[in-house]
Amino acid sequence: MLKQQIENYIENHISENKIELFDIEKEFAEKHQLLPNGVAVAEKAFHIDALERCNKETEELISAETPAFLQKPVSYLKEQANEFVYVESSNFELIRMDAVALEFDDVFETYTALFGLKLQKKFGEAIKTYLNTHLHGDNAKYSVMFSAEDGLWDVNVPLDYLEGFSEAKSFEEIYNMIYRFFFKLVEEIKEAQ
């Protein structure tokens, strides 16, 4: 499934023998020989469809932000503990993620990503195994629950336990880190089939 999605993406986005891919997508495409000969690959920019700061209690919009907001450090969420940041990005569609909300969980004192992952229910054990293997630390508590109504996994992951996480990193760096982490999850699940 991932292979087919990457193949379709490449086919639909090649322009003048050039394509933009994230490094993880390029590695995958090269590994599976999906890039036509002579195609130049450039680094893809993180594309934002919606970027909002919202109130955690009421979920009301505080402010729609410009992409410049993504350059702020994610520690902003600790300083503004009553807010979460909501991002919709077409980049997420390739790995079947929907919008991602980031917040600081003041109870567990962790930065948390919440989103839906559109994988079949049968992949539940594989998702949990991947998270158990790749989240680092004894207190790495996460939540994944299948929503039959939406047909997706509701995922709640503490970012503090992702390799390379730092609250000094920008929102853009964190969203890229989340994308890489879950791209690898989807790749691993699909290759195990």
C-alpha atoms as a PDB file:
ATOM      1  CA  MET A   1       0.000   0.000   0.000  1.00  0.00           C
ATOM      2  CA  LEU A   2       2.740   2.524   0.926  1.00  0.00           C
ATOM      3  CA  LYS A   3       4.716   1.512  -2.144  1.00  0.00           C
ATOM      4  CA  GLN A   4       1.673   2.148  -4.351  1.00  0.00           C
ATOM      5  CA  GLN A   5       1.007   5.506  -2.693  1.00  0.00           C
ATOM      6  CA  ILE A   6       4.618   6.660  -3.176  1.00  0.00           C
ATOM      7  CA  GLU A   7       4.546   5.420  -6.768  1.00  0.00           C
ATOM      8  CA  ASN A   8       1.327   7.374  -7.445  1.00  0.00           C
ATOM      9  CA  TYR A   9       2.724  10.457  -5.726  1.00  0.00           C
ATOM     10  CA  ILE A  10       5.865  10.370  -7.879  1.00  0.00           C
ATOM     11  CA  GLU A  11       3.852   9.808 -11.051  1.00  0.00           C
ATOM     12  CA  ASN A  12       1.532  12.741 -10.277  1.00  0.00           C
ATOM     13  CA  HIS A  13       4.187  15.194  -9.057  1.00  0.00           C
ATOM     14  CA  ILE A  14       7.076  14.850 -11.507  1.00  0.00           C
ATOM     15  CA  SER A  15       7.512  18.081 -13.418  1.00  0.00           C
ATOM     16  CA  GLU A  16      10.278  18.650 -15.973  1.00  0.00           C
ATOM     17  CA  ASN A  17      12.148  15.564 -14.709  1.00  0.00           C
ATOM     18  CA  LYS A  18      12.173  16.922 -11.128  1.00  0.00           C
ATOM     19  CA  ILE A  19      10.318  15.962  -7.978  1.00  0.00           C
ATOM     20  CA  GLU A  20      10.290  17.133  -4.379  1.00  0.00           C
ATOM     21  CA  LEU A  21      10.468  14.447  -1.686  1.00  0.00           C
ATOM     22  CA  PHE A  22      11.275  14.340   2.002  1.00  0.00           C
ATOM     23  CA  ASP A  23      14.512  12.421   2.659  1.00  0.00           C
ATOM     24  CA  ILE A  24      12.568   9.470   4.105  1.00  0.00           C
ATOM     25  CA  GLU A  25      10.396   9.319   0.957  1.00  0.00           C
ATOM     26  CA  LYS A  26      13.475   9.509  -1.261  1.00  0.00           C
ATOM     27  CA  GLU A  27      15.141   6.641   0.654  1.00  0.00           C
ATOM     28  CA  PHE A  28      11.983   4.550   0.264  1.00  0.00           C
ATOM     29  CA  ALA A  29      11.639   5.373  -3.445  1.00  0.00           C
ATOM     30  CA  GLU A  30      15.279   4.467  -4.102  1.00  0.00           C
ATOM     31  CA  LYS A  31      15.038   1.264  -2.056  1.00  0.00           C
ATOM     32  CA  HIS A  32      12.018   0.154  -4.117  1.00  0.00           C
ATOM     33  CA  GLN A  33      13.346   1.581  -7.414  1.00  0.00           C
ATOM     34  CA  LEU A  34      10.361   3.880  -7.883  1.00  0.00           C
ATOM     35  CA  LEU A  35      12.236   6.866  -9.317  1.00  0.00           C
ATOM     36  CA  PRO A  36      12.474   6.967 -13.116  1.00  0.00           C
ATOM     37  CA  ASN A  37      15.996   7.348 -14.531  1.00  0.00           C
ATOM     38  CA  GLY A  38      17.213  10.914 -14.783  1.00  0.00           C
ATOM     39  CA  VAL A  39      14.744  12.385 -12.293  1.00  0.00           C
ATOM     40  CA  ALA A  40      16.298  14.989 -10.001  1.00  0.00           C
ATOM     41  CA  VAL A  41      15.067  14.960  -6.399  1.00  0.00           C
ATOM     42  CA  ALA A  42      14.856  18.167  -4.369  1.00  0.00           C
ATOM     43  CA  GLU A  43      14.050  18.460  -0.656  1.00  0.00           C
ATOM     44  CA  LYS A  44      10.300  18.901  -0.175  1.00  0.00           C
ATOM     45  CA  ALA A  45       9.103  21.798   1.949  1.00  0.00           C
ATOM     46  CA  PHE A  46       6.621  21.123   4.733  1.00  0.00           C
ATOM     47  CA  HIS A  47       3.278  22.297   3.308  1.00  0.00           C
ATOM     48  CA  ILE A  48       0.609  23.632   5.669  1.00  0.00           C
ATOM     49  CA  ASP A  49      -3.089  23.662   4.809  1.00  0.00           C
ATOM     50  CA  ALA A  50      -4.233  24.901   8.243  1.00  0.00           C
ATOM     51  CA  LEU A  51      -2.294  26.077  11.300  1.00  0.00           C
ATOM     52  CA  GLU A  52      -4.269  27.048  14.373  1.00  0.00           C
ATOM     53  CA  ARG A  53      -3.683  27.777  18.030  1.00  0.00           C
ATOM     54  CA  CYS A  54      -6.634  26.559  20.094  1.00  0.00           C
ATOM     55  CA  ASN A  55      -7.783  26.556  23.704  1.00  0.00           C
ATOM     56  CA  LYS A  56      -7.292  23.109  25.295  1.00  0.00           C
ATOM     57  CA  GLU A  57     -10.382  23.386  27.506  1.00  0.00           C
ATOM     58  CA  THR A  58     -12.901  24.617  24.930  1.00  0.00           C
ATOM     59  CA  GLU A  59     -11.149  23.743  21.638  1.00  0.00           C
ATOM     60  CA  GLU A  60     -12.046  27.261  20.477  1.00  0.00           C
ATOM     61  CA  LEU A  61      -9.785  28.920  17.956  1.00  0.00           C
ATOM     62  CA  ILE A  62      -7.413  31.432  19.518  1.00  0.00           C
ATOM     63  CA  SER A  63      -5.666  32.369  16.285  1.00  0.00           C
ATOM     64  CA  ALA A  64      -5.048  31.114  12.762  1.00  0.00           C
ATOM     65  CA  GLU A  65      -1.294  31.344  12.263  1.00  0.00           C
ATOM     66  CA  THR A  66       1.001  31.840   9.297  1.00  0.00           C
ATOM     67  CA  PRO A  67       3.732  29.317   8.434  1.00  0.00           C
ATOM     68  CA  ALA A  68       6.232  31.615  10.208  1.00  0.00           C
ATOM     69  CA  PHE A  69       4.781  30.310  13.503  1.00  0.00           C
ATOM     70  CA  LEU A  70       6.359  26.908  12.737  1.00  0.00           C
ATOM     71  CA  GLN A  71       9.792  28.422  13.416  1.00  0.00           C
ATOM     72  CA  LYS A  72       8.959  28.950  17.101  1.00  0.00           C
ATOM     73  CA  PRO A  73      10.369  26.369  19.525  1.00  0.00           C
ATOM     74  CA  VAL A  74       7.894  23.715  20.634  1.00  0.00           C
ATOM     75  CA  SER A  75       8.572  24.860  24.222  1.00  0.00           C
ATOM     76  CA  TYR A  76       5.965  27.514  23.382  1.00  0.00           C
ATOM     77  CA  LEU A  77       3.392  24.881  24.398  1.00  0.00           C
ATOM     78  CA  LYS A  78       4.832  24.614  27.908  1.00  0.00           C
ATOM     79  CA  GLU A  79       4.774  28.400  28.259  1.00  0.00           C
ATOM     80  CA  GLN A  80       1.182  28.525  26.953  1.00  0.00           C
ATOM     81  CA  ALA A  81      -0.073  25.379  28.698  1.00  0.00           C
ATOM     82  CA  ASN A  82      -3.721  26.240  27.982  1.00  0.00           C
ATOM     83  CA  GLU A  83      -3.158  25.959  24.199  1.00  0.00           C
ATOM     84  CA  PHE A  84      -2.657  23.282  21.594  1.00  0.00           C
ATOM     85  CA  VAL A  85      -1.434  23.699  18.028  1.00  0.00           C
ATOM     86  CA  TYR A  86      -3.467  22.072  15.261  1.00  0.00           C
ATOM     87  CA  VAL A  87      -1.942  21.435  11.827  1.00  0.00           C
ATOM     88  CA  GLU A  88      -3.478  20.060   8.662  1.00  0.00           C
ATOM     89  CA  SER A  89      -0.984  19.177   5.953  1.00  0.00           C
ATOM     90  CA  SER A  90      -1.313  17.382   2.642  1.00  0.00           C
ATOM     91  CA  ASN A  91       2.100  15.882   3.486  1.00  0.00           C
ATOM     92  CA  PHE A  92       0.414  13.633   6.058  1.00  0.00           C
ATOM     93  CA  GLU A  93      -1.926  12.059   3.483  1.00  0.00           C
ATOM     94  CA  LEU A  94       0.832   9.923   1.977  1.00  0.00           C
ATOM     95  CA  ILE A  95       1.112   7.897   5.185  1.00  0.00           C
ATOM     96  CA  ARG A  96      -2.606   8.121   5.930  1.00  0.00           C
ATOM     97  CA  MET A  97      -2.374  10.480   8.904  1.00  0.00           C
ATOM     98  CA  ASP A  98      -4.984  13.141   9.451  1.00  0.00           C
ATOM     99  CA  ALA A  99      -4.399  16.479  11.169  1.00  0.00           C
ATOM    100  CA  VAL A 100      -1.939  16.548  14.086  1.00  0.00           C
ATOM    101  CA  ALA A 101      -2.505  18.400  17.346  1.00  0.00           C
ATOM    102  CA  LEU A 102       0.470  19.122  19.601  1.00  0.00           C
ATOM    103  CA  GLU A 103       0.118  20.026  23.254  1.00  0.00           C
ATOM    104  CA  PHE A 104       2.012  20.018  26.513  1.00  0.00           C
ATOM    105  CA  ASP A 105       0.453  17.548  28.950  1.00  0.00           C
ATOM    106  CA  ASP A 106       0.900  19.261  32.301  1.00  0.00           C
ATOM    107  CA  VAL A 107      -0.139  16.128  34.241  1.00  0.00           C
ATOM    108  CA  PHE A 108       2.572  13.889  32.748  1.00  0.00           C
ATOM    109  CA  GLU A 109       4.840  16.826  31.832  1.00  0.00           C
ATOM    110  CA  THR A 110       5.314  15.609  28.263  1.00  0.00           C
ATOM    111  CA  TYR A 111       4.808  17.047  24.812  1.00  0.00           C
ATOM    112  CA  THR A 112       2.119  15.028  23.090  1.00  0.00           C
ATOM    113  CA  ALA A 113       1.009  14.468  19.498  1.00  0.00           C
ATOM    114  CA  LEU A 114      -2.613  13.464  18.882  1.00  0.00           C
ATOM    115  CA  PHE A 115      -3.915  12.392  15.466  1.00  0.00           C
ATOM    116  CA  GLY A 116      -5.770   9.766  13.502  1.00  0.00           C
ATOM    117  CA  LEU A 117      -3.955   7.046  11.560  1.00  0.00           C
ATOM    118  CA  LYS A 118      -5.968   5.450   8.761  1.00  0.00           C
ATOM    119  CA  LEU A 119      -4.831   1.847   9.027  1.00  0.00           C
ATOM    120  CA  GLN A 120      -7.055  -1.190   9.299  1.00  0.00           C
ATOM    121  CA  LYS A 121      -8.020  -2.514  12.723  1.00  0.00           C
ATOM    122  CA  LYS A 122      -6.010  -5.696  12.129  1.00  0.00           C
ATOM    123  CA  PHE A 123      -2.776  -3.672  12.404  1.00  0.00           C
ATOM    124  CA  GLY A 124      -3.352  -2.787  16.070  1.00  0.00           C
ATOM    125  CA  GLU A 125      -0.802  -5.213  17.476  1.00  0.00           C
ATOM    126  CA  ALA A 126       1.814  -4.137  14.907  1.00  0.00           C
ATOM    127  CA  ILE A 127       1.281  -0.463  15.791  1.00  0.00           C
ATOM    128  CA  LYS A 128       1.694  -1.188  19.510  1.00  0.00           C
ATOM    129  CA  THR A 129       4.776  -3.350  18.912  1.00  0.00           C
ATOM    130  CA  TYR A 130       6.379  -0.565  16.855  1.00  0.00           C
ATOM    131  CA  LEU A 131       5.669   2.033  19.550  1.00  0.00           C
ATOM    132  CA  ASN A 132       6.957  -0.256  22.320  1.00  0.00           C
ATOM    133  CA  THR A 133      10.154  -0.826  20.341  1.00  0.00           C
ATOM    134  CA  HIS A 134      10.813   2.729  19.134  1.00  0.00           C
ATOM    135  CA  LEU A 135       9.722   4.959  22.007  1.00  0.00           C
ATOM    136  CA  HIS A 136      12.691   5.311  24.364  1.00  0.00           C
ATOM    137  CA  GLY A 137      12.345   5.474  28.145  1.00  0.00           C
ATOM    138  CA  ASP A 138      10.653   3.592  30.940  1.00  0.00           C
ATOM    139  CA  ASN A 139       7.759   6.041  31.230  1.00  0.00           C
ATOM    140  CA  ALA A 140       6.864   6.083  27.531  1.00  0.00           C
ATOM    141  CA  LYS A 141       3.102   5.761  27.912  1.00  0.00           C
ATOM    142  CA  TYR A 142       1.063   6.100  24.728  1.00  0.00           C
ATOM    143  CA  SER A 143      -2.509   5.472  23.710  1.00  0.00           C
ATOM    144  CA  VAL A 144      -3.841   3.914  20.504  1.00  0.00           C
ATOM    145  CA  MET A 145      -7.497   3.063  20.145  1.00  0.00           C
ATOM    146  CA  PHE A 146      -9.403   2.024  17.050  1.00  0.00           C
ATOM    147  CA  SER A 147     -12.467   4.091  16.210  1.00  0.00           C
ATOM    148  CA  ALA A 148     -14.849   1.923  14.189  1.00  0.00           C
ATOM    149  CA  GLU A 149     -16.982   4.997  13.559  1.00  0.00           C
ATOM    150  CA  ASP A 150     -14.117   6.856  11.843  1.00  0.00           C
ATOM    151  CA  GLY A 151     -12.266   3.771  10.592  1.00  0.00           C
ATOM    152  CA  LEU A 152      -8.945   4.940  11.997  1.00  0.00           C
ATOM    153  CA  TRP A 153      -6.630   4.660  14.970  1.00  0.00           C
ATOM    154  CA  ASP A 154      -6.739   7.510  17.481  1.00  0.00           C
ATOM    155  CA  VAL A 155      -3.086   7.938  18.418  1.00  0.00           C
ATOM    156  CA  ASN A 156      -1.702   9.827  21.420  1.00  0.00           C
ATOM    157  CA  VAL A 157       2.103   9.694  21.613  1.00  0.00           C
ATOM    158  CA  PRO A 158       4.484  11.432  24.057  1.00  0.00           C
ATOM    159  CA  LEU A 159       7.103  13.126  21.883  1.00  0.00           C
ATOM    160  CA  ASP A 160       9.658  13.299  24.699  1.00  0.00           C
ATOM    161  CA  TYR A 161      10.394   9.608  24.051  1.00  0.00           C
ATOM    162  CA  LEU A 162      11.099   9.968  20.322  1.00  0.00           C
ATOM    163  CA  GLU A 163      14.782   9.771  19.475  1.00  0.00           C
ATOM    164  CA  GLY A 164      16.161  13.267  18.893  1.00  0.00           C
ATOM    165  CA  PHE A 165      13.309  15.157  20.548  1.00  0.00           C
ATOM    166  CA  SER A 166      14.177  18.456  22.211  1.00  0.00           C
ATOM    167  CA  GLU A 167      11.811  21.180  23.352  1.00  0.00           C
ATOM    168  CA  ALA A 168      14.229  23.661  21.766  1.00  0.00           C
ATOM    169  CA  LYS A 169      13.371  22.326  18.293  1.00  0.00           C
ATOM    170  CA  SER A 170      10.945  24.274  16.144  1.00  0.00           C
ATOM    171  CA  PHE A 171       7.392  23.163  15.455  1.00  0.00           C
ATOM    172  CA  GLU A 172       8.450  22.485  11.865  1.00  0.00           C
ATOM    173  CA  GLU A 173      11.282  20.205  13.025  1.00  0.00           C
ATOM    174  CA  ILE A 174       8.892  18.380  15.369  1.00  0.00           C
ATOM    175  CA  TYR A 175       6.255  17.873  12.666  1.00  0.00           C
ATOM    176  CA  ASN A 176       8.980  16.518  10.369  1.00  0.00           C
ATOM    177  CA  MET A 177      10.147  14.211  13.179  1.00  0.00           C
ATOM    178  CA  ILE A 178       6.587  12.933  13.671  1.00  0.00           C
ATOM    179  CA  TYR A 179       6.235  12.363   9.922  1.00  0.00           C
ATOM    180  CA  ARG A 180       9.509  10.384   9.768  1.00  0.00           C
ATOM    181  CA  PHE A 181       8.593   8.285  12.803  1.00  0.00           C
ATOM    182  CA  PHE A 182       5.167   7.318  11.491  1.00  0.00           C
ATOM    183  CA  PHE A 183       6.388   6.882   7.911  1.00  0.00           C
ATOM    184  CA  LYS A 184       8.727   4.209   9.297  1.00  0.00           C
ATOM    185  CA  LEU A 185       5.839   2.655  11.251  1.00  0.00           C
ATOM    186  CA  VAL A 186       3.679   2.388   8.113  1.00  0.00           C
ATOM    187  CA  GLU A 187       6.652   1.093   6.091  1.00  0.00           C
ATOM    188  CA  GLU A 188       7.425  -1.577   8.694  1.00  0.00           C
ATOM    189  CA  ILE A 189       3.798  -2.707   8.911  1.00  0.00           C
ATOM    190  CA  LYS A 190       3.377  -2.914   5.147  1.00  0.00           C
ATOM    191  CA  GLU A 191       6.657  -4.787   4.638  1.00  0.00           C
ATOM    192  CA  ALA A 192       5.694  -7.326   7.315  1.00  0.00           C
ATOM    193  CA  GLN A 193       2.571  -8.313   5.357  1.00  0.00           C
END
